[in-house]
Amino acid sequence: MRYTPPDLRALAQDHFEKLKKIKVALFDVDGIMTDGLVQFQGGEVVYNRSFHTRDAYGLKILKEAGIKTGIITGGSSIVIEKWFCDYADVDYIFKGNEDKRDAYRQVLSDGFKDEQILYMGDEFIDWPLLERAGFSATVPETGIEFRELVDYVTFEKGGRGAAREVIDMLRYAQGIVPKTPLFEGQRGPSR
Protein backbone atom coordinates (compact mmCIF):
# COMPACT_ATOMS: atom_id res chain seq x y z
CA MET A 1 0.00 0.00 0.00
CA ARG A 2 1.36 3.38 -0.98
CA TYR A 3 1.50 6.13 1.65
CA THR A 4 -0.39 9.29 0.80
CA PRO A 5 0.49 12.26 3.00
CA PRO A 6 -2.41 14.26 4.42
CA ASP A 7 -3.50 17.58 2.95
CA LEU A 8 -1.82 19.88 5.46
CA ARG A 9 -3.63 22.90 4.02
CA ALA A 10 -6.95 21.45 5.18
CA LEU A 11 -5.53 20.42 8.55
CA ALA A 12 -4.13 23.93 9.02
CA GLN A 13 -7.63 25.31 8.53
CA ASP A 14 -8.90 23.00 11.29
CA HIS A 15 -6.45 24.74 13.67
CA PHE A 16 -6.46 28.17 12.04
CA GLU A 17 -7.52 30.20 15.10
CA LYS A 18 -4.58 28.95 17.17
CA LEU A 19 -1.97 28.81 14.40
CA LYS A 20 -2.56 32.34 13.14
CA LYS A 21 -1.41 33.73 16.54
CA ILE A 22 1.94 31.89 16.61
CA LYS A 23 5.09 34.03 16.68
CA VAL A 24 7.50 31.48 18.19
CA ALA A 25 7.94 27.81 17.18
CA LEU A 26 9.81 25.69 19.74
CA PHE A 27 10.70 22.01 19.50
CA ASP A 28 12.04 19.25 21.68
CA VAL A 29 14.95 17.42 20.01
CA ASP A 30 15.03 13.72 20.93
CA GLY A 31 11.91 12.02 19.62
CA ILE A 32 10.76 15.09 17.66
CA MET A 33 13.68 16.36 15.59
CA THR A 34 15.26 12.88 15.83
CA ASP A 35 13.83 9.37 15.97
CA GLY A 36 14.88 9.25 19.62
CA LEU A 37 17.83 6.94 19.07
CA VAL A 38 21.12 8.16 20.54
CA GLN A 39 24.44 6.55 19.66
CA PHE A 40 27.43 6.81 21.96
CA GLN A 41 30.40 7.90 19.84
CA GLY A 42 32.93 8.68 22.55
CA GLY A 43 35.44 11.50 22.29
CA GLU A 44 34.29 15.03 21.56
CA VAL A 45 30.94 14.12 19.98
CA VAL A 46 29.90 11.78 22.83
CA TYR A 47 26.25 11.23 21.78
CA ASN A 48 25.25 11.33 18.14
CA ARG A 49 21.82 11.87 16.61
CA SER A 50 20.36 11.90 13.11
CA PHE A 51 18.29 14.87 11.93
CA HIS A 52 16.01 15.30 8.93
CA THR A 53 17.02 18.15 6.62
CA ARG A 54 13.37 18.96 5.82
CA ASP A 55 12.77 19.82 9.49
CA ALA A 56 15.79 22.14 9.57
CA TYR A 57 14.87 23.80 6.28
CA GLY A 58 11.36 24.35 7.64
CA LEU A 59 12.88 26.20 10.59
CA LYS A 60 14.78 28.41 8.14
CA ILE A 61 11.55 29.16 6.26
CA LEU A 62 9.82 30.23 9.49
CA LYS A 63 12.75 32.40 10.55
CA GLU A 64 12.84 34.07 7.13
CA ALA A 65 9.13 34.87 7.61
CA GLY A 66 9.80 36.54 10.97
CA ILE A 67 8.74 33.72 13.28
CA LYS A 68 11.23 32.99 16.07
CA THR A 69 12.43 29.38 16.18
CA GLY A 70 14.16 27.29 18.77
CA ILE A 71 14.79 24.08 20.61
CA ILE A 72 14.36 23.14 24.24
CA THR A 73 16.06 19.84 25.00
CA GLY A 74 17.22 17.99 28.07
CA GLY A 75 20.06 16.55 26.01
CA SER A 76 23.32 18.19 25.18
CA SER A 77 26.02 17.46 22.64
CA ILE A 78 28.19 19.16 20.09
CA VAL A 79 25.98 17.66 17.38
CA ILE A 80 22.93 19.51 18.72
CA GLU A 81 24.87 22.76 18.94
CA LYS A 82 26.28 22.46 15.42
CA TRP A 83 23.01 21.35 13.78
CA PHE A 84 20.81 24.03 15.29
CA CYS A 85 23.37 26.88 15.27
CA ASP A 86 25.23 26.25 12.06
CA TYR A 87 22.62 24.61 9.84
CA ALA A 88 19.14 25.46 11.12
CA ASP A 89 20.22 28.82 12.59
CA VAL A 90 17.50 28.92 15.27
CA ASP A 91 16.90 31.91 17.54
CA TYR A 92 16.72 29.96 20.81
CA ILE A 93 18.83 27.04 21.99
CA PHE A 94 18.15 25.69 25.44
CA LYS A 95 19.92 22.41 26.16
CA GLY A 96 21.11 20.21 28.96
CA ASN A 97 18.26 20.84 31.43
CA GLU A 98 15.34 18.45 31.76
CA ASP A 99 13.31 21.09 33.61
CA LYS A 100 12.19 23.02 30.55
CA ARG A 101 10.08 25.58 32.40
CA ASP A 102 12.96 28.06 32.82
CA ALA A 103 13.65 28.03 29.08
CA TYR A 104 9.97 28.64 28.35
CA ARG A 105 9.91 31.51 30.86
CA GLN A 106 12.92 33.07 29.11
CA VAL A 107 11.01 33.05 25.81
CA LEU A 108 8.02 34.65 27.54
CA SER A 109 10.33 37.30 29.02
CA ASP A 110 11.10 38.40 25.44
CA GLY A 111 7.54 39.74 25.30
CA PHE A 112 5.66 36.71 23.96
CA LYS A 113 2.44 35.28 25.38
CA ASP A 114 1.50 31.61 25.72
CA GLU A 115 -0.97 31.88 22.84
CA GLN A 116 1.88 33.00 20.55
CA ILE A 117 4.03 29.94 21.20
CA LEU A 118 3.94 26.62 19.37
CA TYR A 119 5.61 23.75 21.20
CA MET A 120 6.19 20.21 20.01
CA GLY A 121 7.35 17.51 22.42
CA ASP A 122 6.85 13.85 23.27
CA GLU A 123 7.92 13.11 26.83
CA PHE A 124 6.94 13.86 30.43
CA ILE A 125 9.54 16.63 30.68
CA ASP A 126 7.65 18.35 27.83
CA TRP A 127 4.25 18.13 29.57
CA PRO A 128 4.29 21.58 31.24
CA LEU A 129 5.09 23.28 27.91
CA LEU A 130 2.66 21.20 25.87
CA GLU A 131 -0.11 22.08 28.30
CA ARG A 132 0.72 25.80 28.37
CA ALA A 133 1.66 26.63 24.75
CA GLY A 134 -0.87 28.22 22.43
CA PHE A 135 -0.52 25.31 19.99
CA SER A 136 0.94 21.94 20.95
CA ALA A 137 1.86 18.91 18.87
CA THR A 138 3.45 15.52 19.27
CA VAL A 139 4.39 12.42 17.27
CA PRO A 140 2.32 9.24 16.86
CA GLU A 141 4.80 6.95 18.61
CA THR A 142 4.55 8.74 21.97
CA GLY A 143 2.30 7.68 24.84
CA ILE A 144 -1.48 7.99 24.79
CA GLU A 145 -1.40 10.69 27.50
CA PHE A 146 0.48 13.00 25.15
CA ARG A 147 -1.69 12.24 22.14
CA GLU A 148 -4.73 13.16 24.25
CA LEU A 149 -3.12 16.32 25.65
CA VAL A 150 -1.99 18.10 22.46
CA ASP A 151 -3.79 19.99 19.73
CA TYR A 152 -2.26 17.88 16.95
CA VAL A 153 -0.61 14.48 16.46
CA THR A 154 1.52 14.22 13.33
CA PHE A 155 1.25 11.54 10.70
CA GLU A 156 5.04 11.51 10.28
CA LYS A 157 7.28 9.98 12.92
CA GLY A 158 9.84 11.85 14.98
CA GLY A 159 13.03 12.49 13.02
CA ARG A 160 11.24 11.66 9.77
CA GLY A 161 9.62 15.00 8.98
CA ALA A 162 7.20 15.35 11.90
CA ALA A 163 8.45 18.83 12.79
CA ARG A 164 8.20 19.90 9.15
CA GLU A 165 4.60 18.66 9.05
CA VAL A 166 3.72 21.05 11.90
CA ILE A 167 5.85 23.82 10.36
CA ASP A 168 3.98 23.44 7.06
CA MET A 169 0.62 23.64 8.83
CA LEU A 170 1.79 26.87 10.45
CA ARG A 171 2.96 28.17 7.05
CA TYR A 172 -0.41 27.43 5.46
CA ALA A 173 -2.36 29.03 8.32
CA GLN A 174 -0.24 32.19 8.16
CA GLY A 175 0.12 32.38 4.38
CA ILE A 176 3.90 31.97 4.48
CA VAL A 177 5.35 31.21 1.06
CA PRO A 178 9.09 30.48 1.04
CA LYS A 179 11.22 32.78 -1.03
CA THR A 180 12.34 30.67 -3.96
CA PRO A 181 14.79 31.80 -6.65
CA LEU A 182 13.07 31.19 -9.97
CA PHE A 183 13.89 31.30 -13.65
CA GLU A 184 12.22 34.07 -15.60
CA GLY A 185 8.58 33.24 -16.33
CA GLN A 186 8.13 30.73 -13.50
CA ARG A 187 5.32 31.33 -11.03
CA GLY A 188 6.77 29.45 -8.03
CA PRO A 189 5.05 28.02 -4.97
CA SER A 190 1.82 29.46 -3.62
CA ARG A 191 -0.54 28.81 -0.77
C-alpha atoms as a PDB file:
ATOM      1  CA  MET A   1       0.000   0.000   0.000  1.00  0.00           C
ATOM      2  CA  ARG A   2       1.364   3.384  -0.979  1.00  0.00           C
ATOM      3  CA  TYR A   3       1.505   6.128   1.649  1.00  0.00           C
ATOM      4  CA  THR A   4      -0.386   9.294   0.800  1.00  0.00           C
ATOM      5  CA  PRO A   5       0.490  12.261   3.004  1.00  0.00           C
ATOM      6  CA  PRO A   6      -2.411  14.264   4.420  1.00  0.00           C
ATOM      7  CA  ASP A   7      -3.504  17.584   2.946  1.00  0.00           C
ATOM      8  CA  LEU A   8      -1.819  19.876   5.460  1.00  0.00           C
ATOM      9  CA  ARG A   9      -3.632  22.905   4.023  1.00  0.00           C
ATOM     10  CA  ALA A  10      -6.954  21.452   5.178  1.00  0.00           C
ATOM     11  CA  LEU A  11      -5.526  20.420   8.550  1.00  0.00           C
ATOM     12  CA  ALA A  12      -4.133  23.930   9.019  1.00  0.00           C
ATOM     13  CA  GLN A  13      -7.629  25.312   8.532  1.00  0.00           C
ATOM     14  CA  ASP A  14      -8.899  22.999  11.295  1.00  0.00           C
ATOM     15  CA  HIS A  15      -6.445  24.738  13.666  1.00  0.00           C
ATOM     16  CA  PHE A  16      -6.456  28.167  12.040  1.00  0.00           C
ATOM     17  CA  GLU A  17      -7.519  30.200  15.095  1.00  0.00           C
ATOM     18  CA  LYS A  18      -4.583  28.954  17.165  1.00  0.00           C
ATOM     19  CA  LEU A  19      -1.975  28.810  14.400  1.00  0.00           C
ATOM     20  CA  LYS A  20      -2.558  32.343  13.144  1.00  0.00           C
ATOM     21  CA  LYS A  21      -1.410  33.732  16.539  1.00  0.00           C
ATOM     22  CA  ILE A  22       1.939  31.891  16.614  1.00  0.00           C
ATOM     23  CA  LYS A  23       5.092  34.028  16.678  1.00  0.00           C
ATOM     24  CA  VAL A  24       7.502  31.476  18.191  1.00  0.00           C
ATOM     25  CA  ALA A  25       7.936  27.811  17.185  1.00  0.00           C
ATOM     26  CA  LEU A  26       9.807  25.686  19.737  1.00  0.00           C
ATOM     27  CA  PHE A  27      10.699  22.014  19.500  1.00  0.00           C
ATOM     28  CA  ASP A  28      12.042  19.249  21.679  1.00  0.00           C
ATOM     29  CA  VAL A  29      14.949  17.418  20.014  1.00  0.00           C
ATOM     30  CA  ASP A  30      15.031  13.721  20.933  1.00  0.00           C
ATOM     31  CA  GLY A  31      11.906  12.024  19.617  1.00  0.00           C
ATOM     32  CA  ILE A  32      10.756  15.092  17.662  1.00  0.00           C
ATOM     33  CA  MET A  33      13.683  16.358  15.586  1.00  0.00           C
ATOM     34  CA  THR A  34      15.256  12.877  15.834  1.00  0.00           C
ATOM     35  CA  ASP A  35      13.825   9.375  15.966  1.00  0.00           C
ATOM     36  CA  GLY A  36      14.875   9.255  19.617  1.00  0.00           C
ATOM     37  CA  LEU A  37      17.831   6.943  19.070  1.00  0.00           C
ATOM     38  CA  VAL A  38      21.117   8.159  20.536  1.00  0.00           C
ATOM     39  CA  GLN A  39      24.444   6.554  19.657  1.00  0.00           C
ATOM     40  CA  PHE A  40      27.427   6.806  21.956  1.00  0.00           C
ATOM     41  CA  GLN A  41      30.395   7.896  19.842  1.00  0.00           C
ATOM     42  CA  GLY A  42      32.930   8.682  22.546  1.00  0.00           C
ATOM     43  CA  GLY A  43      35.440  11.499  22.291  1.00  0.00           C
ATOM     44  CA  GLU A  44      34.291  15.026  21.555  1.00  0.00           C
ATOM     45  CA  VAL A  45      30.939  14.116  19.979  1.00  0.00           C
ATOM     46  CA  VAL A  46      29.895  11.780  22.827  1.00  0.00           C
ATOM     47  CA  TYR A  47      26.254  11.233  21.785  1.00  0.00           C
ATOM     48  CA  ASN A  48      25.250  11.335  18.142  1.00  0.00           C
ATOM     49  CA  ARG A  49      21.819  11.865  16.613  1.00  0.00           C
ATOM     50  CA  SER A  50      20.360  11.901  13.107  1.00  0.00           C
ATOM     51  CA  PHE A  51      18.292  14.869  11.934  1.00  0.00           C
ATOM     52  CA  HIS A  52      16.011  15.304   8.927  1.00  0.00           C
ATOM     53  CA  THR A  53      17.022  18.148   6.620  1.00  0.00           C
ATOM     54  CA  ARG A  54      13.372  18.959   5.822  1.00  0.00           C
ATOM     55  CA  ASP A  55      12.774  19.820   9.488  1.00  0.00           C
ATOM     56  CA  ALA A  56      15.791  22.145   9.566  1.00  0.00           C
ATOM     57  CA  TYR A  57      14.866  23.795   6.277  1.00  0.00           C
ATOM     58  CA  GLY A  58      11.356  24.355   7.636  1.00  0.00           C
ATOM     59  CA  LEU A  59      12.877  26.199  10.594  1.00  0.00           C
ATOM     60  CA  LYS A  60      14.776  28.406   8.142  1.00  0.00           C
ATOM     61  CA  ILE A  61      11.546  29.165   6.263  1.00  0.00           C
ATOM     62  CA  LEU A  62       9.820  30.234   9.489  1.00  0.00           C
ATOM     63  CA  LYS A  63      12.754  32.395  10.553  1.00  0.00           C
ATOM     64  CA  GLU A  64      12.837  34.070   7.134  1.00  0.00           C
ATOM     65  CA  ALA A  65       9.134  34.870   7.613  1.00  0.00           C
ATOM     66  CA  GLY A  66       9.795  36.540  10.971  1.00  0.00           C
ATOM     67  CA  ILE A  67       8.744  33.721  13.278  1.00  0.00           C
ATOM     68  CA  LYS A  68      11.234  32.992  16.068  1.00  0.00           C
ATOM     69  CA  THR A  69      12.427  29.383  16.176  1.00  0.00           C
ATOM     70  CA  GLY A  70      14.164  27.293  18.767  1.00  0.00           C
ATOM     71  CA  ILE A  71      14.791  24.080  20.611  1.00  0.00           C
ATOM     72  CA  ILE A  72      14.361  23.139  24.243  1.00  0.00           C
ATOM     73  CA  THR A  73      16.062  19.843  24.997  1.00  0.00           C
ATOM     74  CA  GLY A  74      17.220  17.993  28.066  1.00  0.00           C
ATOM     75  CA  GLY A  75      20.060  16.546  26.006  1.00  0.00           C
ATOM     76  CA  SER A  76      23.323  18.190  25.178  1.00  0.00           C
ATOM     77  CA  SER A  77      26.021  17.457  22.636  1.00  0.00           C
ATOM     78  CA  ILE A  78      28.195  19.159  20.086  1.00  0.00           C
ATOM     79  CA  VAL A  79      25.982  17.655  17.384  1.00  0.00           C
ATOM     80  CA  ILE A  80      22.928  19.511  18.721  1.00  0.00           C
ATOM     81  CA  GLU A  81      24.874  22.765  18.937  1.00  0.00           C
ATOM     82  CA  LYS A  82      26.278  22.464  15.415  1.00  0.00           C
ATOM     83  CA  TRP A  83      23.014  21.353  13.778  1.00  0.00           C
ATOM     84  CA  PHE A  84      20.813  24.032  15.293  1.00  0.00           C
ATOM     85  CA  CYS A  85      23.371  26.880  15.274  1.00  0.00           C
ATOM     86  CA  ASP A  86      25.231  26.254  12.058  1.00  0.00           C
ATOM     87  CA  TYR A  87      22.617  24.610   9.843  1.00  0.00           C
ATOM     88  CA  ALA A  88      19.141  25.455  11.118  1.00  0.00           C
ATOM     89  CA  ASP A  89      20.218  28.824  12.593  1.00  0.00           C
ATOM     90  CA  VAL A  90      17.503  28.923  15.273  1.00  0.00           C
ATOM     91  CA  ASP A  91      16.903  31.909  17.542  1.00  0.00           C
ATOM     92  CA  TYR A  92      16.721  29.963  20.809  1.00  0.00           C
ATOM     93  CA  ILE A  93      18.832  27.035  21.987  1.00  0.00           C
ATOM     94  CA  PHE A  94      18.155  25.695  25.438  1.00  0.00           C
ATOM     95  CA  LYS A  95      19.923  22.409  26.156  1.00  0.00           C
ATOM     96  CA  GLY A  96      21.105  20.207  28.961  1.00  0.00           C
ATOM     97  CA  ASN A  97      18.263  20.839  31.425  1.00  0.00           C
ATOM     98  CA  GLU A  98      15.341  18.447  31.759  1.00  0.00           C
ATOM     99  CA  ASP A  99      13.310  21.088  33.606  1.00  0.00           C
ATOM    100  CA  LYS A 100      12.195  23.016  30.548  1.00  0.00           C
ATOM    101  CA  ARG A 101      10.078  25.580  32.395  1.00  0.00           C
ATOM    102  CA  ASP A 102      12.956  28.056  32.817  1.00  0.00           C
ATOM    103  CA  ALA A 103      13.652  28.033  29.077  1.00  0.00           C
ATOM    104  CA  TYR A 104       9.971  28.644  28.352  1.00  0.00           C
ATOM    105  CA  ARG A 105       9.912  31.509  30.864  1.00  0.00           C
ATOM    106  CA  GLN A 106      12.915  33.074  29.107  1.00  0.00           C
ATOM    107  CA  VAL A 107      11.012  33.052  25.815  1.00  0.00           C
ATOM    108  CA  LEU A 108       8.015  34.647  27.544  1.00  0.00           C
ATOM    109  CA  SER A 109      10.326  37.303  29.016  1.00  0.00           C
ATOM    110  CA  ASP A 110      11.100  38.402  25.444  1.00  0.00           C
ATOM    111  CA  GLY A 111       7.544  39.738  25.302  1.00  0.00           C
ATOM    112  CA  PHE A 112       5.662  36.714  23.964  1.00  0.00           C
ATOM    113  CA  LYS A 113       2.443  35.282  25.380  1.00  0.00           C
ATOM    114  CA  ASP A 114       1.503  31.608  25.715  1.00  0.00           C
ATOM    115  CA  GLU A 115      -0.973  31.876  22.844  1.00  0.00           C
ATOM    116  CA  GLN A 116       1.880  33.003  20.552  1.00  0.00           C
ATOM    117  CA  ILE A 117       4.026  29.943  21.201  1.00  0.00           C
ATOM    118  CA  LEU A 118       3.938  26.621  19.372  1.00  0.00           C
ATOM    119  CA  TYR A 119       5.609  23.745  21.203  1.00  0.00           C
ATOM    120  CA  MET A 120       6.194  20.210  20.008  1.00  0.00           C
ATOM    121  CA  GLY A 121       7.355  17.511  22.423  1.00  0.00           C
ATOM    122  CA  ASP A 122       6.852  13.854  23.268  1.00  0.00           C
ATOM    123  CA  GLU A 123       7.921  13.113  26.830  1.00  0.00           C
ATOM    124  CA  PHE A 124       6.944  13.860  30.435  1.00  0.00           C
ATOM    125  CA  ILE A 125       9.543  16.630  30.680  1.00  0.00           C
ATOM    126  CA  ASP A 126       7.649  18.348  27.825  1.00  0.00           C
ATOM    127  CA  TRP A 127       4.253  18.128  29.566  1.00  0.00           C
ATOM    128  CA  PRO A 128       4.293  21.584  31.239  1.00  0.00           C
ATOM    129  CA  LEU A 129       5.092  23.282  27.912  1.00  0.00           C
ATOM    130  CA  LEU A 130       2.657  21.200  25.866  1.00  0.00           C
ATOM    131  CA  GLU A 131      -0.110  22.082  28.305  1.00  0.00           C
ATOM    132  CA  ARG A 132       0.724  25.804  28.372  1.00  0.00           C
ATOM    133  CA  ALA A 133       1.659  26.635  24.754  1.00  0.00           C
ATOM    134  CA  GLY A 134      -0.874  28.224  22.434  1.00  0.00           C
ATOM    135  CA  PHE A 135      -0.519  25.312  19.988  1.00  0.00           C
ATOM    136  CA  SER A 136       0.940  21.944  20.946  1.00  0.00           C
ATOM    137  CA  ALA A 137       1.861  18.914  18.873  1.00  0.00           C
ATOM    138  CA  THR A 138       3.455  15.517  19.268  1.00  0.00           C
ATOM    139  CA  VAL A 139       4.388  12.424  17.270  1.00  0.00           C
ATOM    140  CA  PRO A 140       2.323   9.244  16.856  1.00  0.00           C
ATOM    141  CA  GLU A 141       4.800   6.950  18.614  1.00  0.00           C
ATOM    142  CA  THR A 142       4.549   8.738  21.970  1.00  0.00           C
ATOM    143  CA  GLY A 143       2.296   7.677  24.845  1.00  0.00           C
ATOM    144  CA  ILE A 144      -1.475   7.988  24.795  1.00  0.00           C
ATOM    145  CA  GLU A 145      -1.399  10.691  27.501  1.00  0.00           C
ATOM    146  CA  PHE A 146       0.477  13.002  25.152  1.00  0.00           C
ATOM    147  CA  ARG A 147      -1.691  12.240  22.137  1.00  0.00           C
ATOM    148  CA  GLU A 148      -4.732  13.159  24.246  1.00  0.00           C
ATOM    149  CA  LEU A 149      -3.117  16.322  25.647  1.00  0.00           C
ATOM    150  CA  VAL A 150      -1.989  18.097  22.463  1.00  0.00           C
ATOM    151  CA  ASP A 151      -3.785  19.993  19.730  1.00  0.00           C
ATOM    152  CA  TYR A 152      -2.261  17.881  16.955  1.00  0.00           C
ATOM    153  CA  VAL A 153      -0.608  14.479  16.465  1.00  0.00           C
ATOM    154  CA  THR A 154       1.522  14.219  13.334  1.00  0.00           C
ATOM    155  CA  PHE A 155       1.253  11.537  10.697  1.00  0.00           C
ATOM    156  CA  GLU A 156       5.040  11.512  10.277  1.00  0.00           C
ATOM    157  CA  LYS A 157       7.275   9.975  12.917  1.00  0.00           C
ATOM    158  CA  GLY A 158       9.842  11.853  14.982  1.00  0.00           C
ATOM    159  CA  GLY A 159      13.029  12.493  13.021  1.00  0.00           C
ATOM    160  CA  ARG A 160      11.235  11.660   9.775  1.00  0.00           C
ATOM    161  CA  GLY A 161       9.624  15.000   8.977  1.00  0.00           C
ATOM    162  CA  ALA A 162       7.197  15.346  11.899  1.00  0.00           C
ATOM    163  CA  ALA A 163       8.448  18.829  12.790  1.00  0.00           C
ATOM    164  CA  ARG A 164       8.197  19.900   9.149  1.00  0.00           C
ATOM    165  CA  GLU A 165       4.600  18.663   9.053  1.00  0.00           C
ATOM    166  CA  VAL A 166       3.716  21.054  11.897  1.00  0.00           C
ATOM    167  CA  ILE A 167       5.852  23.820  10.361  1.00  0.00           C
ATOM    168  CA  ASP A 168       3.981  23.443   7.058  1.00  0.00           C
ATOM    169  CA  MET A 169       0.620  23.641   8.826  1.00  0.00           C
ATOM    170  CA  LEU A 170       1.794  26.868  10.448  1.00  0.00           C
ATOM    171  CA  ARG A 171       2.957  28.166   7.051  1.00  0.00           C
ATOM    172  CA  TYR A 172      -0.410  27.431   5.463  1.00  0.00           C
ATOM    173  CA  ALA A 173      -2.356  29.029   8.323  1.00  0.00           C
ATOM    174  CA  GLN A 174      -0.240  32.194   8.156  1.00  0.00           C
ATOM    175  CA  GLY A 175       0.125  32.377   4.375  1.00  0.00           C
ATOM    176  CA  ILE A 176       3.900  31.966   4.479  1.00  0.00           C
ATOM    177  CA  VAL A 177       5.349  31.212   1.062  1.00  0.00           C
ATOM    178  CA  PRO A 178       9.087  30.483   1.044  1.00  0.00           C
ATOM    179  CA  LYS A 179      11.225  32.785  -1.026  1.00  0.00           C
ATOM    180  CA  THR A 180      12.338  30.668  -3.956  1.00  0.00           C
ATOM    181  CA  PRO A 181      14.794  31.796  -6.653  1.00  0.00           C
ATOM    182  CA  LEU A 182      13.066  31.186  -9.970  1.00  0.00           C
ATOM    183  CA  PHE A 183      13.890  31.299 -13.647  1.00  0.00           C
ATOM    184  CA  GLU A 184      12.222  34.072 -15.604  1.00  0.00           C
ATOM    185  CA  GLY A 185       8.575  33.245 -16.332  1.00  0.00           C
ATOM    186  CA  GLN A 186       8.128  30.734 -13.504  1.00  0.00           C
ATOM    187  CA  ARG A 187       5.323  31.328 -11.033  1.00  0.00           C
ATOM    188  CA  GLY A 188       6.769  29.451  -8.031  1.00  0.00           C
ATOM    189  CA  PRO A 189       5.051  28.024  -4.970  1.00  0.00           C
ATOM    190  CA  SER A 190       1.816  29.458  -3.619  1.00  0.00           C
ATOM    191  CA  ARG A 191      -0.545  28.809  -0.766  1.00  0.00           C
END
